[in-house]
Amino acid sequence: MLRIDGDSTTGGAHISVRRTQGGRIELFVDCDRPQALGDGTTVVSSTLPPGKARELLAKLVQETPWLQEALAMQRVDQLLSEGTGPVGW
């Protein structure tokens, strides 16, 4: 489960992505109140083939600006805490 934190006024979301034994992807997105996804929904739950799951998750992120920002900031924090390896070119 991935916890995405919004700012102090927006809440955030929980995202879970799991591969089933049959190779399909279970995708679950649950937004904290008062947040919603770009289409107005607050929960998405689906089991799809990998390509369709990627399309759905990408669409949710593309249509939800607060989620884009939260994911980007989470990646920035991860890079700063873990580093990327040796410094220099």
C-alpha atoms as a PDB file:
ATOM      1  CA  MET A   1       0.000   0.000   0.000  1.00  0.00           C
ATOM      2  CA  LEU A   2       1.343   3.387  -0.995  1.00  0.00           C
ATOM      3  CA  ARG A   3       0.277   6.364   1.090  1.00  0.00           C
ATOM      4  CA  ILE A   4       0.113   9.633  -0.847  1.00  0.00           C
ATOM      5  CA  ASP A   5      -0.060  12.718   1.347  1.00  0.00           C
ATOM      6  CA  GLY A   6      -1.622  15.925   0.093  1.00  0.00           C
ATOM      7  CA  ASP A   7      -1.068  19.265   1.773  1.00  0.00           C
ATOM      8  CA  SER A   8      -2.596  20.214   5.121  1.00  0.00           C
ATOM      9  CA  THR A   9      -5.961  21.094   3.581  1.00  0.00           C
ATOM     10  CA  THR A  10      -6.419  18.374   0.972  1.00  0.00           C
ATOM     11  CA  GLY A  11      -5.926  14.959   2.538  1.00  0.00           C
ATOM     12  CA  GLY A  12      -4.367  12.365   0.266  1.00  0.00           C
ATOM     13  CA  ALA A  13      -4.888   8.806  -0.966  1.00  0.00           C
ATOM     14  CA  HIS A  14      -3.994   5.167  -0.478  1.00  0.00           C
ATOM     15  CA  ILE A  15      -2.949   3.243  -3.587  1.00  0.00           C
ATOM     16  CA  SER A  16      -2.573  -0.521  -3.692  1.00  0.00           C
ATOM     17  CA  VAL A  17      -1.340  -2.453  -6.741  1.00  0.00           C
ATOM     18  CA  ARG A  18      -1.011  -6.236  -6.520  1.00  0.00           C
ATOM     19  CA  ARG A  19      -0.425  -8.926  -9.140  1.00  0.00           C
ATOM     20  CA  THR A  20      -2.726 -11.944  -8.830  1.00  0.00           C
ATOM     21  CA  GLN A  21      -1.602 -15.527  -9.433  1.00  0.00           C
ATOM     22  CA  GLY A  22      -3.294 -15.367 -12.819  1.00  0.00           C
ATOM     23  CA  GLY A  23      -1.150 -12.377 -13.819  1.00  0.00           C
ATOM     24  CA  ARG A  24      -3.908  -9.781 -13.578  1.00  0.00           C
ATOM     25  CA  ILE A  25      -3.480  -6.579 -11.560  1.00  0.00           C
ATOM     26  CA  GLU A  26      -5.645  -5.676  -8.581  1.00  0.00           C
ATOM     27  CA  LEU A  27      -5.773  -1.879  -8.388  1.00  0.00           C
ATOM     28  CA  PHE A  28      -7.282  -0.013  -5.448  1.00  0.00           C
ATOM     29  CA  VAL A  29      -7.281   3.768  -4.957  1.00  0.00           C
ATOM     30  CA  ASP A  30      -9.007   5.332  -1.930  1.00  0.00           C
ATOM     31  CA  CYS A  31      -8.975   9.115  -1.513  1.00  0.00           C
ATOM     32  CA  ASP A  32      -9.086  10.783   1.887  1.00  0.00           C
ATOM     33  CA  ARG A  33     -11.831  13.319   2.358  1.00  0.00           C
ATOM     34  CA  PRO A  34     -12.269  15.960   0.992  1.00  0.00           C
ATOM     35  CA  GLN A  35     -10.159  14.783  -1.953  1.00  0.00           C
ATOM     36  CA  ALA A  36     -11.506  13.182  -5.124  1.00  0.00           C
ATOM     37  CA  LEU A  37     -10.024  11.954  -8.366  1.00  0.00           C
ATOM     38  CA  GLY A  38     -10.311  13.992 -11.553  1.00  0.00           C
ATOM     39  CA  ASP A  39     -13.630  12.375 -12.500  1.00  0.00           C
ATOM     40  CA  GLY A  40     -15.133  13.040  -9.051  1.00  0.00           C
ATOM     41  CA  THR A  41     -14.884   9.491  -7.696  1.00  0.00           C
ATOM     42  CA  THR A  42     -13.239   8.830  -4.344  1.00  0.00           C
ATOM     43  CA  VAL A  43     -12.632   5.065  -4.664  1.00  0.00           C
ATOM     44  CA  VAL A  44     -11.492   2.932  -7.600  1.00  0.00           C
ATOM     45  CA  SER A  45     -11.240  -0.837  -7.287  1.00  0.00           C
ATOM     46  CA  SER A  46     -10.601  -3.081 -10.281  1.00  0.00           C
ATOM     47  CA  THR A  47      -8.849  -6.265 -11.409  1.00  0.00           C
ATOM     48  CA  LEU A  48      -7.457  -5.881 -14.913  1.00  0.00           C
ATOM     49  CA  PRO A  49      -4.821  -7.202 -17.314  1.00  0.00           C
ATOM     50  CA  PRO A  50      -1.492  -5.370 -16.746  1.00  0.00           C
ATOM     51  CA  GLY A  51      -1.807  -3.078 -19.781  1.00  0.00           C
ATOM     52  CA  LYS A  52      -5.327  -1.976 -18.861  1.00  0.00           C
ATOM     53  CA  ALA A  53      -4.350  -1.451 -15.216  1.00  0.00           C
ATOM     54  CA  ARG A  54      -1.461   0.781 -16.334  1.00  0.00           C
ATOM     55  CA  GLU A  55      -3.804   2.757 -18.597  1.00  0.00           C
ATOM     56  CA  LEU A  56      -6.335   3.235 -15.800  1.00  0.00           C
ATOM     57  CA  LEU A  57      -3.761   4.300 -13.203  1.00  0.00           C
ATOM     58  CA  ALA A  58      -2.048   6.637 -15.688  1.00  0.00           C
ATOM     59  CA  LYS A  59      -5.424   8.193 -16.587  1.00  0.00           C
ATOM     60  CA  LEU A  60      -6.286   8.718 -12.918  1.00  0.00           C
ATOM     61  CA  VAL A  61      -2.961  10.468 -12.321  1.00  0.00           C
ATOM     62  CA  GLN A  62      -3.172  12.551 -15.504  1.00  0.00           C
ATOM     63  CA  GLU A  63      -6.675  13.768 -14.650  1.00  0.00           C
ATOM     64  CA  THR A  64      -5.956  14.541 -10.987  1.00  0.00           C
ATOM     65  CA  PRO A  65      -3.562  17.487 -10.494  1.00  0.00           C
ATOM     66  CA  TRP A  66      -3.263  17.116  -6.687  1.00  0.00           C
ATOM     67  CA  LEU A  67      -2.277  13.456  -7.159  1.00  0.00           C
ATOM     68  CA  GLN A  68       0.331  14.405  -9.776  1.00  0.00           C
ATOM     69  CA  GLU A  69       1.886  16.899  -7.378  1.00  0.00           C
ATOM     70  CA  ALA A  70       1.776  14.527  -4.404  1.00  0.00           C
ATOM     71  CA  LEU A  71       3.405  11.688  -6.387  1.00  0.00           C
ATOM     72  CA  ALA A  72       6.079  14.030  -7.728  1.00  0.00           C
ATOM     73  CA  MET A  73       6.881  15.364  -4.259  1.00  0.00           C
ATOM     74  CA  GLN A  74       6.992  11.833  -2.852  1.00  0.00           C
ATOM     75  CA  ARG A  75       9.553  10.908  -5.534  1.00  0.00           C
ATOM     76  CA  VAL A  76      11.604  14.032  -4.771  1.00  0.00           C
ATOM     77  CA  ASP A  77      11.634  13.132  -1.063  1.00  0.00           C
ATOM     78  CA  GLN A  78      12.667   9.569  -1.939  1.00  0.00           C
ATOM     79  CA  LEU A  79      15.535  10.784  -4.139  1.00  0.00           C
ATOM     80  CA  LEU A  80      16.753  13.132  -1.431  1.00  0.00           C
ATOM     81  CA  SER A  81      16.612  10.483   1.289  1.00  0.00           C
ATOM     82  CA  GLU A  82      18.076   7.587  -0.709  1.00  0.00           C
ATOM     83  CA  GLY A  83      20.260   9.345  -3.236  1.00  0.00           C
ATOM     84  CA  THR A  84      20.907   8.063  -6.731  1.00  0.00           C
ATOM     85  CA  GLY A  85      24.440   6.754  -6.386  1.00  0.00           C
ATOM     86  CA  PRO A  86      27.850   8.347  -6.955  1.00  0.00           C
ATOM     87  CA  VAL A  87      27.930  12.079  -7.579  1.00  0.00           C
ATOM     88  CA  GLY A  88      29.407  13.245 -10.858  1.00  0.00           C
ATOM     89  CA  TRP A  89      29.033  12.547 -14.518  1.00  0.00           C
END
